[in-house]
């Protein structure tokens, strides 16, 4: 099954899967021998996808809405709604095609997590 984000097919090479890091603050009291730990919750789940676009990078990937909630479907089925945080791309040399081939890295945030 192909991956899609907002209905656009992507060919995923690497997937970090959902991850999160708790917000933890350290309080170092001057006359104490122990650090106090302050737990301040956690941010939303994030995920990093690396994928290849064989054609239509400008038309399909650059036009994906940033800051809006869009559906993500992986090879395991629906992954819920996500917000695109960032997209970066490197152009790959492929002399067998007359269109640009790009390796993209996309950071996304899970909506409602």
N, C-alpha and C. Protein backbone atom coordinates (compact mmCIF):
# COMPACT_ATOMS: atom_id res chain seq x y z
N UNK A 1 0.85 -1.18 0.00
CA UNK A 1 0.00 0.00 0.00
C UNK A 1 0.89 1.25 0.00
N UNK A 2 0.57 2.20 -0.82
CA UNK A 2 1.35 3.43 -0.92
C UNK A 2 1.02 4.39 0.22
N UNK A 3 2.00 5.18 0.59
CA UNK A 3 1.80 6.23 1.58
C UNK A 3 1.18 7.43 0.87
N UNK A 4 0.30 8.15 1.58
CA UNK A 4 -0.22 9.41 1.05
C UNK A 4 -0.30 10.42 2.18
N UNK A 5 -0.11 11.67 1.83
CA UNK A 5 -0.35 12.77 2.76
C UNK A 5 -1.21 13.79 2.02
N UNK A 6 -2.38 14.04 2.56
CA UNK A 6 -3.37 14.90 1.93
C UNK A 6 -3.70 14.43 0.52
N UNK A 7 -3.68 13.11 0.30
CA UNK A 7 -4.01 12.53 -0.99
C UNK A 7 -2.87 12.45 -1.98
N UNK A 8 -1.70 13.00 -1.63
CA UNK A 8 -0.53 12.98 -2.51
C UNK A 8 0.31 11.75 -2.17
N UNK A 9 0.61 10.93 -3.18
CA UNK A 9 1.40 9.71 -2.96
C UNK A 9 2.86 10.06 -2.75
N UNK A 10 3.46 9.45 -1.71
CA UNK A 10 4.88 9.61 -1.45
C UNK A 10 5.51 8.22 -1.31
N UNK A 11 6.77 8.11 -1.67
CA UNK A 11 7.50 6.83 -1.62
C UNK A 11 8.50 6.90 -0.47
N UNK A 12 8.08 6.42 0.70
CA UNK A 12 8.85 6.57 1.93
C UNK A 12 10.03 5.61 1.96
N UNK A 13 11.21 6.16 2.30
CA UNK A 13 12.43 5.37 2.49
C UNK A 13 12.71 5.15 3.97
N UNK A 14 12.50 6.18 4.78
CA UNK A 14 12.75 6.09 6.22
C UNK A 14 11.62 6.75 6.97
N UNK A 15 11.32 6.18 8.14
CA UNK A 15 10.22 6.66 8.98
C UNK A 15 10.66 6.57 10.43
N UNK A 16 10.64 7.68 11.15
CA UNK A 16 11.05 7.67 12.56
C UNK A 16 9.96 7.10 13.46
N UNK A 17 8.75 6.98 12.95
CA UNK A 17 7.54 6.63 13.71
C UNK A 17 7.28 7.72 14.74
N UNK A 18 6.18 7.62 15.45
CA UNK A 18 5.78 8.67 16.39
C UNK A 18 6.75 8.70 17.56
N UNK A 19 7.13 9.90 17.98
CA UNK A 19 8.04 10.07 19.12
C UNK A 19 7.65 11.32 19.90
N UNK A 20 8.07 11.35 21.16
CA UNK A 20 7.86 12.53 21.98
C UNK A 20 8.92 12.57 23.06
N UNK A 21 9.21 13.76 23.53
CA UNK A 21 10.18 13.98 24.59
C UNK A 21 9.49 14.80 25.67
N UNK A 22 9.48 14.30 26.90
CA UNK A 22 8.80 15.06 27.96
C UNK A 22 9.50 16.39 28.24
N UNK A 23 8.72 17.35 28.70
CA UNK A 23 9.30 18.64 29.11
C UNK A 23 9.73 18.49 30.57
N UNK A 24 11.02 18.46 30.79
CA UNK A 24 11.55 18.29 32.14
C UNK A 24 12.51 19.43 32.42
N UNK A 25 12.29 20.09 33.55
CA UNK A 25 13.19 21.16 33.96
C UNK A 25 13.97 20.73 35.19
N UNK A 26 15.22 21.15 35.24
CA UNK A 26 16.05 20.85 36.40
C UNK A 26 16.16 22.11 37.25
N UNK A 27 15.91 21.96 38.53
CA UNK A 27 16.03 23.06 39.48
C UNK A 27 17.20 22.74 40.39
N UNK A 28 18.26 23.53 40.30
CA UNK A 28 19.46 23.31 41.10
C UNK A 28 19.51 24.35 42.22
N UNK A 29 19.08 23.93 43.39
CA UNK A 29 19.09 24.81 44.57
C UNK A 29 20.54 24.96 45.02
N UNK A 30 20.94 26.19 45.31
CA UNK A 30 22.35 26.46 45.62
C UNK A 30 22.89 25.69 46.82
N UNK A 31 22.13 25.60 47.90
CA UNK A 31 22.66 24.94 49.10
C UNK A 31 22.13 23.51 49.25
N UNK A 32 21.84 22.86 48.13
CA UNK A 32 21.33 21.49 48.16
C UNK A 32 22.32 20.56 47.47
N UNK A 33 22.22 19.29 47.80
CA UNK A 33 23.07 18.28 47.16
C UNK A 33 22.28 17.47 46.14
N UNK A 34 21.10 17.93 45.83
CA UNK A 34 20.24 17.17 44.93
C UNK A 34 19.53 18.11 43.96
N UNK A 35 19.37 17.67 42.73
CA UNK A 35 18.65 18.42 41.71
C UNK A 35 17.17 18.06 41.79
N UNK A 36 16.32 19.07 41.78
CA UNK A 36 14.89 18.84 41.75
C UNK A 36 14.45 18.75 40.29
N UNK A 37 13.59 17.80 40.01
CA UNK A 37 13.09 17.60 38.65
C UNK A 37 11.65 18.11 38.59
N UNK A 38 11.39 18.97 37.61
CA UNK A 38 10.04 19.50 37.41
C UNK A 38 9.52 18.97 36.07
N UNK A 39 8.46 18.18 36.12
CA UNK A 39 7.85 17.63 34.90
C UNK A 39 6.73 18.57 34.46
N UNK A 40 6.80 19.04 33.22
CA UNK A 40 5.83 20.02 32.72
C UNK A 40 5.07 19.48 31.51
N UNK A 41 4.69 18.21 31.55
CA UNK A 41 3.90 17.64 30.46
C UNK A 41 4.77 17.20 29.31
N UNK A 42 4.13 17.06 28.15
CA UNK A 42 4.85 16.66 26.95
C UNK A 42 4.21 17.32 25.74
N UNK A 43 5.00 17.55 24.69
CA UNK A 43 4.44 18.10 23.47
C UNK A 43 3.69 17.03 22.68
N UNK A 44 3.10 17.40 21.58
CA UNK A 44 2.42 16.45 20.70
C UNK A 44 3.42 15.47 20.10
N UNK A 45 2.90 14.34 19.63
CA UNK A 45 3.75 13.37 18.94
C UNK A 45 4.28 13.99 17.65
N UNK A 46 5.54 13.70 17.33
CA UNK A 46 6.13 14.17 16.08
C UNK A 46 6.68 12.97 15.32
N UNK A 47 6.93 13.19 14.05
CA UNK A 47 7.41 12.11 13.19
C UNK A 47 8.20 12.74 12.05
N UNK A 48 9.24 12.05 11.61
CA UNK A 48 10.05 12.50 10.48
C UNK A 48 9.99 11.44 9.39
N UNK A 49 9.62 11.87 8.20
CA UNK A 49 9.55 10.97 7.04
C UNK A 49 10.58 11.41 6.02
N UNK A 50 11.28 10.43 5.45
CA UNK A 50 12.15 10.71 4.32
C UNK A 50 11.60 9.93 3.13
N UNK A 51 11.35 10.63 2.04
CA UNK A 51 10.72 9.99 0.89
C UNK A 51 11.26 10.57 -0.41
N UNK A 52 11.01 9.85 -1.50
CA UNK A 52 11.47 10.26 -2.82
C UNK A 52 10.26 10.67 -3.65
N UNK A 53 10.40 11.76 -4.38
CA UNK A 53 9.38 12.23 -5.31
C UNK A 53 9.98 12.13 -6.71
N UNK A 54 9.36 11.30 -7.55
CA UNK A 54 9.90 11.06 -8.89
C UNK A 54 9.45 12.10 -9.91
N UNK A 55 8.34 12.76 -9.65
CA UNK A 55 7.91 13.86 -10.53
C UNK A 55 6.86 14.67 -9.78
N UNK A 56 6.76 15.92 -10.13
CA UNK A 56 5.73 16.78 -9.55
C UNK A 56 6.06 17.35 -8.19
N UNK A 57 7.34 17.54 -7.88
CA UNK A 57 7.71 18.10 -6.56
C UNK A 57 7.10 19.49 -6.36
N UNK A 58 7.30 20.39 -7.34
CA UNK A 58 6.77 21.75 -7.20
C UNK A 58 5.24 21.76 -7.15
N UNK A 59 4.60 20.92 -7.98
CA UNK A 59 3.14 20.92 -8.07
C UNK A 59 2.48 20.21 -6.89
N UNK A 60 3.09 19.13 -6.38
CA UNK A 60 2.42 18.31 -5.38
C UNK A 60 2.94 18.49 -3.95
N UNK A 61 4.24 18.58 -3.77
CA UNK A 61 4.81 18.64 -2.42
C UNK A 61 4.86 20.08 -1.91
N UNK A 62 5.36 20.99 -2.73
CA UNK A 62 5.45 22.38 -2.28
C UNK A 62 4.09 23.02 -2.07
N UNK A 63 3.05 22.48 -2.66
CA UNK A 63 1.72 23.05 -2.50
C UNK A 63 0.94 22.42 -1.34
N UNK A 64 1.55 21.46 -0.62
CA UNK A 64 0.87 20.90 0.55
C UNK A 64 0.66 22.01 1.58
N UNK A 65 -0.50 22.04 2.21
CA UNK A 65 -0.79 23.14 3.14
C UNK A 65 0.00 23.02 4.44
N UNK A 66 0.80 24.04 4.76
CA UNK A 66 1.50 24.05 6.04
C UNK A 66 0.61 24.73 7.07
N UNK A 67 0.63 24.23 8.27
CA UNK A 67 -0.18 24.81 9.34
C UNK A 67 -1.63 24.35 9.34
N UNK A 68 -2.01 23.51 8.38
CA UNK A 68 -3.37 22.98 8.34
C UNK A 68 -3.33 21.49 8.62
N UNK A 69 -4.42 20.96 9.12
CA UNK A 69 -4.52 19.55 9.44
C UNK A 69 -4.86 18.76 8.17
N UNK A 70 -4.03 17.73 7.87
CA UNK A 70 -4.23 16.90 6.68
C UNK A 70 -4.12 15.43 7.08
N UNK A 71 -4.75 14.52 6.34
CA UNK A 71 -4.66 13.09 6.67
C UNK A 71 -3.35 12.46 6.20
N UNK A 72 -2.85 11.50 7.00
CA UNK A 72 -1.67 10.72 6.65
C UNK A 72 -2.06 9.25 6.61
N UNK A 73 -1.74 8.58 5.52
CA UNK A 73 -2.00 7.15 5.37
C UNK A 73 -0.66 6.48 5.09
N UNK A 74 -0.31 5.46 5.90
CA UNK A 74 0.95 4.74 5.69
C UNK A 74 0.66 3.37 5.10
N UNK A 75 1.70 2.56 4.97
CA UNK A 75 1.52 1.20 4.49
C UNK A 75 0.77 0.33 5.51
N UNK A 76 0.62 0.83 6.74
CA UNK A 76 -0.13 0.13 7.79
C UNK A 76 -1.55 0.67 7.94
N UNK A 77 -1.94 1.61 7.10
CA UNK A 77 -3.29 2.16 7.15
C UNK A 77 -3.29 3.60 7.64
N UNK A 78 -4.47 4.10 8.02
CA UNK A 78 -4.64 5.49 8.44
C UNK A 78 -3.83 5.78 9.69
N UNK A 79 -3.07 6.87 9.67
CA UNK A 79 -2.25 7.29 10.81
C UNK A 79 -2.84 8.51 11.50
N UNK A 80 -4.00 8.94 11.07
CA UNK A 80 -4.64 10.10 11.69
C UNK A 80 -4.32 11.38 10.95
N UNK A 81 -4.69 12.47 11.56
CA UNK A 81 -4.47 13.78 10.97
C UNK A 81 -3.18 14.39 11.51
N UNK A 82 -2.47 15.10 10.65
CA UNK A 82 -1.18 15.68 11.01
C UNK A 82 -1.10 17.11 10.50
N UNK A 83 -0.17 17.86 11.09
CA UNK A 83 0.17 19.18 10.60
C UNK A 83 1.61 19.12 10.10
N UNK A 84 1.85 19.64 8.90
CA UNK A 84 3.20 19.64 8.34
C UNK A 84 3.98 20.77 8.99
N UNK A 85 5.08 20.38 9.66
CA UNK A 85 5.93 21.36 10.34
C UNK A 85 6.98 21.94 9.39
N UNK A 86 7.62 21.06 8.62
CA UNK A 86 8.63 21.55 7.67
C UNK A 86 8.87 20.50 6.59
N UNK A 87 9.37 20.98 5.44
CA UNK A 87 9.76 20.11 4.33
C UNK A 87 11.08 20.65 3.79
N UNK A 88 12.04 19.76 3.62
CA UNK A 88 13.29 20.13 2.96
C UNK A 88 13.57 19.09 1.89
N UNK A 89 14.28 19.51 0.83
CA UNK A 89 14.49 18.59 -0.29
C UNK A 89 15.89 18.75 -0.86
N UNK A 90 16.38 17.63 -1.42
CA UNK A 90 17.64 17.61 -2.17
C UNK A 90 17.34 17.00 -3.52
N UNK A 91 17.84 17.62 -4.56
CA UNK A 91 17.61 17.08 -5.89
C UNK A 91 18.61 15.95 -6.15
N UNK A 92 18.11 14.85 -6.71
CA UNK A 92 18.93 13.69 -7.04
C UNK A 92 19.19 13.67 -8.54
N UNK A 93 20.35 13.19 -8.93
CA UNK A 93 20.68 13.07 -10.34
C UNK A 93 20.09 11.78 -10.88
N UNK A 94 19.23 11.90 -11.87
CA UNK A 94 18.62 10.73 -12.50
C UNK A 94 18.51 11.04 -14.00
N UNK A 95 19.47 10.55 -14.77
CA UNK A 95 19.50 10.86 -16.20
C UNK A 95 18.48 10.05 -17.00
N UNK A 96 17.80 9.10 -16.35
CA UNK A 96 16.80 8.31 -17.06
C UNK A 96 15.44 9.02 -17.11
N UNK A 97 15.32 10.16 -16.43
CA UNK A 97 14.04 10.89 -16.39
C UNK A 97 14.22 12.30 -16.92
N UNK A 98 13.14 12.84 -17.42
CA UNK A 98 13.18 14.23 -17.86
C UNK A 98 12.50 15.15 -16.85
N UNK A 99 12.21 14.63 -15.67
CA UNK A 99 11.66 15.42 -14.58
C UNK A 99 12.62 15.37 -13.40
N UNK A 100 12.54 16.35 -12.52
CA UNK A 100 13.41 16.37 -11.35
C UNK A 100 13.00 15.29 -10.34
N UNK A 101 13.99 14.62 -9.76
CA UNK A 101 13.76 13.63 -8.71
C UNK A 101 14.31 14.22 -7.42
N UNK A 102 13.52 14.19 -6.35
CA UNK A 102 13.90 14.82 -5.10
C UNK A 102 13.78 13.84 -3.94
N UNK A 103 14.74 13.92 -3.02
CA UNK A 103 14.64 13.22 -1.74
C UNK A 103 14.22 14.27 -0.72
N UNK A 104 13.07 14.06 -0.10
CA UNK A 104 12.49 15.04 0.82
C UNK A 104 12.52 14.52 2.24
N UNK A 105 12.67 15.45 3.16
CA UNK A 105 12.53 15.16 4.59
C UNK A 105 11.40 16.03 5.10
N UNK A 106 10.40 15.39 5.70
CA UNK A 106 9.23 16.11 6.18
C UNK A 106 9.04 15.85 7.68
N UNK A 107 8.89 16.90 8.44
CA UNK A 107 8.57 16.79 9.86
C UNK A 107 7.09 17.09 10.03
N UNK A 108 6.39 16.21 10.74
CA UNK A 108 4.96 16.38 10.95
C UNK A 108 4.63 16.26 12.43
N UNK A 109 3.51 16.84 12.83
CA UNK A 109 3.02 16.80 14.20
C UNK A 109 1.63 16.18 14.17
N UNK A 110 1.39 15.21 15.04
CA UNK A 110 0.09 14.56 15.11
C UNK A 110 -0.93 15.50 15.72
N UNK A 111 -2.06 15.60 15.08
CA UNK A 111 -3.14 16.46 15.55
C UNK A 111 -3.92 15.74 16.65
N UNK A 112 -4.16 16.43 17.76
CA UNK A 112 -4.98 15.87 18.83
C UNK A 112 -4.30 14.84 19.69
N UNK A 113 -2.96 14.85 19.75
CA UNK A 113 -2.26 13.85 20.58
C UNK A 113 -1.88 14.41 21.92
